[in-house]
Amino acid sequence: MYLENHLEKESEEYVELIKYYNSVGRDSEAREVAERGLEKCKDDLTEIFIYLLNDAKKCGDRERYHKLYASAKRRKRADTNRIDAAINME
């Protein structure tokens, strides 16, 4: 896919691709894009963390969930208030 091969540093591109893969039931691809976004994205990471935290919760992976949450709290480009609100709503 063109978009997947040309992801840059802006979070909107990652978030849109994650939403697309998630909507068509391709969860593993959505997870891969989100993880790549954490590494390469130089923009707001909040939505990416929300997706990954909800995915870890859905999969029952407590260790990954706690690692991701700790990472989100350390990142400047992640709004922990929005993350807390989003994961507590689910």
PDB file of N, CA and C in Angstrom:
ATOM      1  N   MET A   1       0.848  -1.178   0.000  1.00  0.00           N
ATOM      2  CA  MET A   1       0.000   0.000   0.000  1.00  0.00           C
ATOM      3  C   MET A   1       0.890   1.236   0.000  1.00  0.00           C
ATOM      4  N   TYR A   2       0.555   2.182  -0.837  1.00  0.00           N
ATOM      5  CA  TYR A   2       1.352   3.398  -1.000  1.00  0.00           C
ATOM      6  C   TYR A   2       1.517   4.155   0.310  1.00  0.00           C
ATOM      7  N   LEU A   3       0.413   4.394   1.008  1.00  0.00           N
ATOM      8  CA  LEU A   3       0.464   5.191   2.229  1.00  0.00           C
ATOM      9  C   LEU A   3       1.355   4.535   3.281  1.00  0.00           C
ATOM     10  N   GLU A   4       1.243   3.236   3.418  1.00  0.00           N
ATOM     11  CA  GLU A   4       2.040   2.520   4.411  1.00  0.00           C
ATOM     12  C   GLU A   4       3.535   2.663   4.137  1.00  0.00           C
ATOM     13  N   ASN A   5       3.911   2.674   2.882  1.00  0.00           N
ATOM     14  CA  ASN A   5       5.323   2.794   2.522  1.00  0.00           C
ATOM     15  C   ASN A   5       5.847   4.220   2.589  1.00  0.00           C
ATOM     16  N   HIS A   6       4.957   5.189   2.715  1.00  0.00           N
ATOM     17  CA  HIS A   6       5.380   6.584   2.716  1.00  0.00           C
ATOM     18  C   HIS A   6       4.954   7.328   3.977  1.00  0.00           C
ATOM     19  N   LEU A   7       4.896   6.628   5.088  1.00  0.00           N
ATOM     20  CA  LEU A   7       4.583   7.274   6.352  1.00  0.00           C
ATOM     21  C   LEU A   7       5.763   8.138   6.767  1.00  0.00           C
ATOM     22  N   GLU A   8       5.468   9.324   7.202  1.00  0.00           N
ATOM     23  CA  GLU A   8       6.521  10.261   7.579  1.00  0.00           C
ATOM     24  C   GLU A   8       6.492  10.491   9.087  1.00  0.00           C
ATOM     25  N   LYS A   9       6.564  11.732   9.496  1.00  0.00           N
ATOM     26  CA  LYS A   9       6.685  12.069  10.907  1.00  0.00           C
ATOM     27  C   LYS A   9       5.397  12.608  11.513  1.00  0.00           C
ATOM     28  N   GLU A  10       4.326  12.695  10.739  1.00  0.00           N
ATOM     29  CA  GLU A  10       3.079  13.264  11.236  1.00  0.00           C
ATOM     30  C   GLU A  10       2.129  12.171  11.699  1.00  0.00           C
ATOM     31  N   SER A  11       1.544  12.366  12.868  1.00  0.00           N
ATOM     32  CA  SER A  11       0.715  11.319  13.466  1.00  0.00           C
ATOM     33  C   SER A  11      -0.588  11.079  12.709  1.00  0.00           C
ATOM     34  N   GLU A  12      -1.122  12.078  12.007  1.00  0.00           N
ATOM     35  CA  GLU A  12      -2.395  11.906  11.306  1.00  0.00           C
ATOM     36  C   GLU A  12      -2.338  10.750  10.307  1.00  0.00           C
ATOM     37  N   GLU A  13      -1.221  10.633   9.610  1.00  0.00           N
ATOM     38  CA  GLU A  13      -1.069   9.557   8.627  1.00  0.00           C
ATOM     39  C   GLU A  13      -1.118   8.194   9.301  1.00  0.00           C
ATOM     40  N   TYR A  14      -0.431   8.063  10.420  1.00  0.00           N
ATOM     41  CA  TYR A  14      -0.431   6.799  11.168  1.00  0.00           C
ATOM     42  C   TYR A  14      -1.825   6.488  11.697  1.00  0.00           C
ATOM     43  N   VAL A  15      -2.458   7.486  12.295  1.00  0.00           N
ATOM     44  CA  VAL A  15      -3.777   7.284  12.900  1.00  0.00           C
ATOM     45  C   VAL A  15      -4.809   6.878  11.853  1.00  0.00           C
ATOM     46  N   GLU A  16      -4.788   7.511  10.694  1.00  0.00           N
ATOM     47  CA  GLU A  16      -5.729   7.151   9.630  1.00  0.00           C
ATOM     48  C   GLU A  16      -5.518   5.720   9.149  1.00  0.00           C
ATOM     49  N   LEU A  17      -4.271   5.339   8.988  1.00  0.00           N
ATOM     50  CA  LEU A  17      -3.985   3.979   8.540  1.00  0.00           C
ATOM     51  C   LEU A  17      -4.359   2.953   9.614  1.00  0.00           C
ATOM     52  N   ILE A  18      -4.114   3.277  10.869  1.00  0.00           N
ATOM     53  CA  ILE A  18      -4.520   2.404  11.978  1.00  0.00           C
ATOM     54  C   ILE A  18      -6.028   2.225  11.976  1.00  0.00           C
ATOM     55  N   LYS A  19      -6.753   3.324  11.835  1.00  0.00           N
ATOM     56  CA  LYS A  19      -8.224   3.251  11.814  1.00  0.00           C
ATOM     57  C   LYS A  19      -8.728   2.420  10.637  1.00  0.00           C
ATOM     58  N   TYR A  20      -8.095   2.591   9.486  1.00  0.00           N
ATOM     59  CA  TYR A  20      -8.499   1.820   8.319  1.00  0.00           C
ATOM     60  C   TYR A  20      -8.311   0.327   8.564  1.00  0.00           C
ATOM     61  N   TYR A  21      -7.106  -0.067   8.959  1.00  0.00           N
ATOM     62  CA  TYR A  21      -6.835  -1.485   9.202  1.00  0.00           C
ATOM     63  C   TYR A  21      -7.756  -2.042  10.283  1.00  0.00           C
ATOM     64  N   ASN A  22      -7.997  -1.270  11.314  1.00  0.00           N
ATOM     65  CA  ASN A  22      -8.877  -1.709  12.390  1.00  0.00           C
ATOM     66  C   ASN A  22     -10.309  -1.901  11.892  1.00  0.00           C
ATOM     67  N   SER A  23     -10.764  -1.018  11.020  1.00  0.00           N
ATOM     68  CA  SER A  23     -12.138  -1.089  10.523  1.00  0.00           C
ATOM     69  C   SER A  23     -12.385  -2.287   9.608  1.00  0.00           C
ATOM     70  N   VAL A  24     -11.333  -2.763   8.956  1.00  0.00           N
ATOM     71  CA  VAL A  24     -11.489  -3.913   8.064  1.00  0.00           C
ATOM     72  C   VAL A  24     -11.025  -5.209   8.728  1.00  0.00           C
ATOM     73  N   GLY A  25     -10.777  -5.170  10.035  1.00  0.00           N
ATOM     74  CA  GLY A  25     -10.438  -6.367  10.779  1.00  0.00           C
ATOM     75  C   GLY A  25      -9.015  -6.850  10.630  1.00  0.00           C
ATOM     76  N   ARG A  26      -8.133  -5.974  10.227  1.00  0.00           N
ATOM     77  CA  ARG A  26      -6.718  -6.349  10.077  1.00  0.00           C
ATOM     78  C   ARG A  26      -5.943  -5.797  11.271  1.00  0.00           C
ATOM     79  N   ASP A  27      -6.217  -6.373  12.446  1.00  0.00           N
ATOM     80  CA  ASP A  27      -5.659  -5.868  13.691  1.00  0.00           C
ATOM     81  C   ASP A  27      -4.141  -5.964  13.764  1.00  0.00           C
ATOM     82  N   SER A  28      -3.570  -7.015  13.225  1.00  0.00           N
ATOM     83  CA  SER A  28      -2.107  -7.154  13.310  1.00  0.00           C
ATOM     84  C   SER A  28      -1.406  -6.058  12.500  1.00  0.00           C
ATOM     85  N   GLU A  29      -1.968  -5.712  11.339  1.00  0.00           N
ATOM     86  CA  GLU A  29      -1.385  -4.625  10.545  1.00  0.00           C
ATOM     87  C   GLU A  29      -1.551  -3.289  11.256  1.00  0.00           C
ATOM     88  N   ALA A  30      -2.710  -3.078  11.888  1.00  0.00           N
ATOM     89  CA  ALA A  30      -2.947  -1.837  12.635  1.00  0.00           C
ATOM     90  C   ALA A  30      -1.940  -1.723  13.778  1.00  0.00           C
ATOM     91  N   ARG A  31      -1.688  -2.820  14.462  1.00  0.00           N
ATOM     92  CA  ARG A  31      -0.733  -2.838  15.567  1.00  0.00           C
ATOM     93  C   ARG A  31       0.676  -2.528  15.061  1.00  0.00           C
ATOM     94  N   GLU A  32       1.060  -3.101  13.918  1.00  0.00           N
ATOM     95  CA  GLU A  32       2.391  -2.852  13.354  1.00  0.00           C
ATOM     96  C   GLU A  32       2.571  -1.380  12.989  1.00  0.00           C
ATOM     97  N   VAL A  33       1.550  -0.786  12.385  1.00  0.00           N
ATOM     98  CA  VAL A  33       1.624   0.627  12.014  1.00  0.00           C
ATOM     99  C   VAL A  33       1.731   1.492  13.272  1.00  0.00           C
ATOM    100  N   ALA A  34       0.957   1.161  14.295  1.00  0.00           N
ATOM    101  CA  ALA A  34       0.992   1.927  15.540  1.00  0.00           C
ATOM    102  C   ALA A  34       2.370   1.832  16.204  1.00  0.00           C
ATOM    103  N   GLU A  35       2.937   0.650  16.231  1.00  0.00           N
ATOM    104  CA  GLU A  35       4.263   0.488  16.826  1.00  0.00           C
ATOM    105  C   GLU A  35       5.326   1.231  16.028  1.00  0.00           C
ATOM    106  N   ARG A  36       5.197   1.212  14.704  1.00  0.00           N
ATOM    107  CA  ARG A  36       6.121   1.977  13.860  1.00  0.00           C
ATOM    108  C   ARG A  36       5.949   3.468  14.119  1.00  0.00           C
ATOM    109  N   GLY A  37       4.706   3.888  14.346  1.00  0.00           N
ATOM    110  CA  GLY A  37       4.441   5.290  14.650  1.00  0.00           C
ATOM    111  C   GLY A  37       5.124   5.748  15.927  1.00  0.00           C
ATOM    112  N   LEU A  38       5.162   4.886  16.946  1.00  0.00           N
ATOM    113  CA  LEU A  38       5.849   5.247  18.188  1.00  0.00           C
ATOM    114  C   LEU A  38       7.331   5.483  17.945  1.00  0.00           C
ATOM    115  N   GLU A  39       7.907   4.750  17.018  1.00  0.00           N
ATOM    116  CA  GLU A  39       9.333   4.882  16.729  1.00  0.00           C
ATOM    117  C   GLU A  39       9.651   6.086  15.854  1.00  0.00           C
ATOM    118  N   LYS A  40       8.841   6.305  14.825  1.00  0.00           N
ATOM    119  CA  LYS A  40       9.212   7.274  13.795  1.00  0.00           C
ATOM    120  C   LYS A  40       8.472   8.599  13.861  1.00  0.00           C
ATOM    121  N   CYS A  41       7.319   8.627  14.480  1.00  0.00           N
ATOM    122  CA  CYS A  41       6.492   9.824  14.475  1.00  0.00           C
ATOM    123  C   CYS A  41       7.110  10.906  15.358  1.00  0.00           C
ATOM    124  N   LYS A  42       7.132  12.122  14.858  1.00  0.00           N
ATOM    125  CA  LYS A  42       7.677  13.252  15.602  1.00  0.00           C
ATOM    126  C   LYS A  42       6.571  14.240  15.974  1.00  0.00           C
ATOM    127  N   ASP A  43       5.363  13.748  16.030  1.00  0.00           N
ATOM    128  CA  ASP A  43       4.183  14.564  16.272  1.00  0.00           C
ATOM    129  C   ASP A  43       3.483  14.018  17.517  1.00  0.00           C
ATOM    130  N   ASP A  44       2.264  14.433  17.748  1.00  0.00           N
ATOM    131  CA  ASP A  44       1.470  14.000  18.893  1.00  0.00           C
ATOM    132  C   ASP A  44       1.235  12.489  18.832  1.00  0.00           C
ATOM    133  N   LEU A  45       1.613  11.785  19.888  1.00  0.00           N
ATOM    134  CA  LEU A  45       1.513  10.330  19.939  1.00  0.00           C
ATOM    135  C   LEU A  45       0.288   9.832  20.709  1.00  0.00           C
ATOM    136  N   THR A  46      -0.558  10.726  21.151  1.00  0.00           N
ATOM    137  CA  THR A  46      -1.674  10.365  22.029  1.00  0.00           C
ATOM    138  C   THR A  46      -2.579   9.310  21.420  1.00  0.00           C
ATOM    139  N   GLU A  47      -3.060   9.521  20.212  1.00  0.00           N
ATOM    140  CA  GLU A  47      -3.987   8.568  19.582  1.00  0.00           C
ATOM    141  C   GLU A  47      -3.333   7.214  19.337  1.00  0.00           C
ATOM    142  N   ILE A  48      -2.060   7.215  19.033  1.00  0.00           N
ATOM    143  CA  ILE A  48      -1.339   5.960  18.812  1.00  0.00           C
ATOM    144  C   ILE A  48      -1.265   5.175  20.117  1.00  0.00           C
ATOM    145  N   PHE A  49      -0.933   5.864  21.210  1.00  0.00           N
ATOM    146  CA  PHE A  49      -0.898   5.191  22.507  1.00  0.00           C
ATOM    147  C   PHE A  49      -2.277   4.673  22.906  1.00  0.00           C
ATOM    148  N   ILE A  50      -3.312   5.442  22.658  1.00  0.00           N
ATOM    149  CA  ILE A  50      -4.673   5.003  22.996  1.00  0.00           C
ATOM    150  C   ILE A  50      -4.999   3.714  22.256  1.00  0.00           C
ATOM    151  N   TYR A  51      -4.687   3.666  20.965  1.00  0.00           N
ATOM    152  CA  TYR A  51      -4.956   2.446  20.202  1.00  0.00           C
ATOM    153  C   TYR A  51      -4.182   1.262  20.779  1.00  0.00           C
ATOM    154  N   LEU A  52      -2.880   1.445  21.006  1.00  0.00           N
ATOM    155  CA  LEU A  52      -2.057   0.338  21.485  1.00  0.00           C
ATOM    156  C   LEU A  52      -2.470  -0.122  22.883  1.00  0.00           C
ATOM    157  N   LEU A  53      -2.834   0.803  23.754  1.00  0.00           N
ATOM    158  CA  LEU A  53      -3.283   0.427  25.097  1.00  0.00           C
ATOM    159  C   LEU A  53      -4.591  -0.346  25.040  1.00  0.00           C
ATOM    160  N   ASN A  54      -5.525   0.108  24.223  1.00  0.00           N
ATOM    161  CA  ASN A  54      -6.792  -0.616  24.084  1.00  0.00           C
ATOM    162  C   ASN A  54      -6.576  -1.989  23.450  1.00  0.00           C
ATOM    163  N   ASP A  55      -5.647  -2.073  22.509  1.00  0.00           N
ATOM    164  CA  ASP A  55      -5.337  -3.353  21.884  1.00  0.00           C
ATOM    165  C   ASP A  55      -4.738  -4.323  22.901  1.00  0.00           C
ATOM    166  N   ALA A  56      -3.819  -3.832  23.724  1.00  0.00           N
ATOM    167  CA  ALA A  56      -3.215  -4.688  24.750  1.00  0.00           C
ATOM    168  C   ALA A  56      -4.267  -5.152  25.751  1.00  0.00           C
ATOM    169  N   LYS A  57      -5.175  -4.253  26.101  1.00  0.00           N
ATOM    170  CA  LYS A  57      -6.253  -4.615  27.029  1.00  0.00           C
ATOM    171  C   LYS A  57      -7.156  -5.678  26.409  1.00  0.00           C
ATOM    172  N   LYS A  58      -7.498  -5.491  25.126  1.00  0.00           N
ATOM    173  CA  LYS A  58      -8.358  -6.445  24.418  1.00  0.00           C
ATOM    174  C   LYS A  58      -7.703  -7.819  24.315  1.00  0.00           C
ATOM    175  N   CYS A  59      -6.392  -7.834  24.119  1.00  0.00           N
ATOM    176  CA  CYS A  59      -5.655  -9.099  24.000  1.00  0.00           C
ATOM    177  C   CYS A  59      -5.337  -9.720  25.359  1.00  0.00           C
ATOM    178  N   GLY A  60      -5.578  -8.984  26.421  1.00  0.00           N
ATOM    179  CA  GLY A  60      -5.284  -9.491  27.755  1.00  0.00           C
ATOM    180  C   GLY A  60      -3.799  -9.507  28.087  1.00  0.00           C
ATOM    181  N   ASP A  61      -3.024  -8.673  27.415  1.00  0.00           N
ATOM    182  CA  ASP A  61      -1.580  -8.615  27.612  1.00  0.00           C
ATOM    183  C   ASP A  61      -1.249  -7.521  28.633  1.00  0.00           C
ATOM    184  N   ARG A  62      -1.301  -7.883  29.908  1.00  0.00           N
ATOM    185  CA  ARG A  62      -1.089  -6.916  30.987  1.00  0.00           C
ATOM    186  C   ARG A  62       0.325  -6.343  30.980  1.00  0.00           C
ATOM    187  N   GLU A  63       1.320  -7.166  30.677  1.00  0.00           N
ATOM    188  CA  GLU A  63       2.702  -6.694  30.675  1.00  0.00           C
ATOM    189  C   GLU A  63       2.914  -5.625  29.603  1.00  0.00           C
ATOM    190  N   ARG A  64       2.428  -5.889  28.389  1.00  0.00           N
ATOM    191  CA  ARG A  64       2.551  -4.905  27.305  1.00  0.00           C
ATOM    192  C   ARG A  64       1.782  -3.631  27.646  1.00  0.00           C
ATOM    193  N   TYR A  65       0.602  -3.793  28.254  1.00  0.00           N
ATOM    194  CA  TYR A  65      -0.217  -2.651  28.649  1.00  0.00           C
ATOM    195  C   TYR A  65       0.554  -1.753  29.624  1.00  0.00           C
ATOM    196  N   HIS A  66       1.142  -2.343  30.649  1.00  0.00           N
ATOM    197  CA  HIS A  66       1.867  -1.557  31.649  1.00  0.00           C
ATOM    198  C   HIS A  66       3.116  -0.901  31.063  1.00  0.00           C
ATOM    199  N   LYS A  67       3.806  -1.594  30.170  1.00  0.00           N
ATOM    200  CA  LYS A  67       4.983  -1.004  29.518  1.00  0.00           C
ATOM    201  C   LYS A  67       4.586   0.182  28.648  1.00  0.00           C
ATOM    202  N   LEU A  68       3.497   0.013  27.887  1.00  0.00           N
ATOM    203  CA  LEU A  68       3.029   1.109  27.032  1.00  0.00           C
ATOM    204  C   LEU A  68       2.582   2.314  27.856  1.00  0.00           C
ATOM    205  N   TYR A  69       1.865   2.054  28.937  1.00  0.00           N
ATOM    206  CA  TYR A  69       1.370   3.146  29.773  1.00  0.00           C
ATOM    207  C   TYR A  69       2.538   3.903  30.407  1.00  0.00           C
ATOM    208  N   ALA A  70       3.543   3.177  30.891  1.00  0.00           N
ATOM    209  CA  ALA A  70       4.727   3.819  31.462  1.00  0.00           C
ATOM    210  C   ALA A  70       5.454   4.640  30.404  1.00  0.00           C
ATOM    211  N   SER A  71       5.544   4.120  29.196  1.00  0.00           N
ATOM    212  CA  SER A  71       6.181   4.846  28.105  1.00  0.00           C
ATOM    213  C   SER A  71       5.410   6.114  27.769  1.00  0.00           C
ATOM    214  N   ALA A  72       4.097   6.025  27.750  1.00  0.00           N
ATOM    215  CA  ALA A  72       3.262   7.200  27.450  1.00  0.00           C
ATOM    216  C   ALA A  72       3.467   8.298  28.489  1.00  0.00           C
ATOM    217  N   LYS A  73       3.617   7.914  29.727  1.00  0.00           N
ATOM    218  CA  LYS A  73       3.813   8.909  30.788  1.00  0.00           C
ATOM    219  C   LYS A  73       5.165   9.605  30.668  1.00  0.00           C
ATOM    220  N   ARG A  74       6.136   8.946  30.069  1.00  0.00           N
ATOM    221  CA  ARG A  74       7.470   9.536  29.912  1.00  0.00           C
ATOM    222  C   ARG A  74       7.579  10.420  28.677  1.00  0.00           C
ATOM    223  N   ARG A  75       6.676  10.291  27.744  1.00  0.00           N
ATOM    224  CA  ARG A  75       6.779  11.004  26.469  1.00  0.00           C
ATOM    225  C   ARG A  75       6.201  12.415  26.561  1.00  0.00           C
ATOM    226  N   LYS A  76       6.901  13.358  25.991  1.00  0.00           N
ATOM    227  CA  LYS A  76       6.422  14.737  25.938  1.00  0.00           C
ATOM    228  C   LYS A  76       5.275  14.888  24.933  1.00  0.00           C
ATOM    229  N   ARG A  77       5.302  14.082  23.882  1.00  0.00           N
ATOM    230  CA  ARG A  77       4.320  14.225  22.813  1.00  0.00           C
ATOM    231  C   ARG A  77       3.091  13.359  23.018  1.00  0.00           C
ATOM    232  N   ALA A  78       2.815  12.980  24.265  1.00  0.00           N
ATOM    233  CA  ALA A  78       1.624  12.189  24.565  1.00  0.00           C
ATOM    234  C   ALA A  78       0.862  12.879  25.692  1.00  0.00           C
ATOM    235  N   ASP A  79      -0.410  13.146  25.470  1.00  0.00           N
ATOM    236  CA  ASP A  79      -1.266  13.803  26.452  1.00  0.00           C
ATOM    237  C   ASP A  79      -1.842  12.737  27.382  1.00  0.00           C
ATOM    238  N   THR A  80      -1.233  12.587  28.554  1.00  0.00           N
ATOM    239  CA  THR A  80      -1.652  11.527  29.470  1.00  0.00           C
ATOM    240  C   THR A  80      -3.061  11.741  30.005  1.00  0.00           C
ATOM    241  N   ASN A  81      -3.518  12.975  30.086  1.00  0.00           N
ATOM    242  CA  ASN A  81      -4.890  13.211  30.523  1.00  0.00           C
ATOM    243  C   ASN A  81      -5.895  12.629  29.526  1.00  0.00           C
ATOM    244  N   ARG A  82      -5.655  12.865  28.239  1.00  0.00           N
ATOM    245  CA  ARG A  82      -6.523  12.296  27.206  1.00  0.00           C
ATOM    246  C   ARG A  82      -6.419  10.782  27.164  1.00  0.00           C
ATOM    247  N   ILE A  83      -5.223  10.259  27.357  1.00  0.00           N
ATOM    248  CA  ILE A  83      -5.035   8.810  27.372  1.00  0.00           C
ATOM    249  C   ILE A  83      -5.807   8.197  28.529  1.00  0.00           C
ATOM    250  N   ASP A  84      -5.659   8.773  29.731  1.00  0.00           N
ATOM    251  CA  ASP A  84      -6.389   8.266  30.890  1.00  0.00           C
ATOM    252  C   ASP A  84      -7.884   8.284  30.674  1.00  0.00           C
ATOM    253  N   ALA A  85      -8.387   9.374  30.116  1.00  0.00           N
ATOM    254  CA  ALA A  85      -9.831   9.491  29.871  1.00  0.00           C
ATOM    255  C   ALA A  85     -10.291   8.444  28.858  1.00  0.00           C
ATOM    256  N   ALA A  86      -9.520   8.227  27.817  1.00  0.00           N
ATOM    257  CA  ALA A  86      -9.911   7.283  26.768  1.00  0.00           C
ATOM    258  C   ALA A  86      -9.878   5.839  27.250  1.00  0.00           C
ATOM    259  N   ILE A  87      -8.856   5.468  28.000  1.00  0.00           N
ATOM    260  CA  ILE A  87      -8.764   4.066  28.421  1.00  0.00           C
ATOM    261  C   ILE A  87      -9.700   3.756  29.573  1.00  0.00           C
ATOM    262  N   ASN A  88     -10.084   4.755  30.333  1.00  0.00           N
ATOM    263  CA  ASN A  88     -11.031   4.525  31.416  1.00  0.00           C
ATOM    264  C   ASN A  88     -12.480   4.466  30.937  1.00  0.00           C
ATOM    265  N   MET A  89     -12.724   5.032  29.743  1.00  0.00           N
ATOM    266  CA  MET A  89     -14.070   5.004  29.174  1.00  0.00           C
ATOM    267  C   MET A  89     -14.405   3.623  28.612  1.00  0.00           C
ATOM    268  N   GLU A  90     -13.398   2.876  28.202  1.00  0.00           N
ATOM    269  CA  GLU A  90     -13.632   1.582  27.549  1.00  0.00           C
ATOM    270  C   GLU A  90     -13.844   0.494  28.559  1.00  0.00           C
TER     271      GLU A  90
END
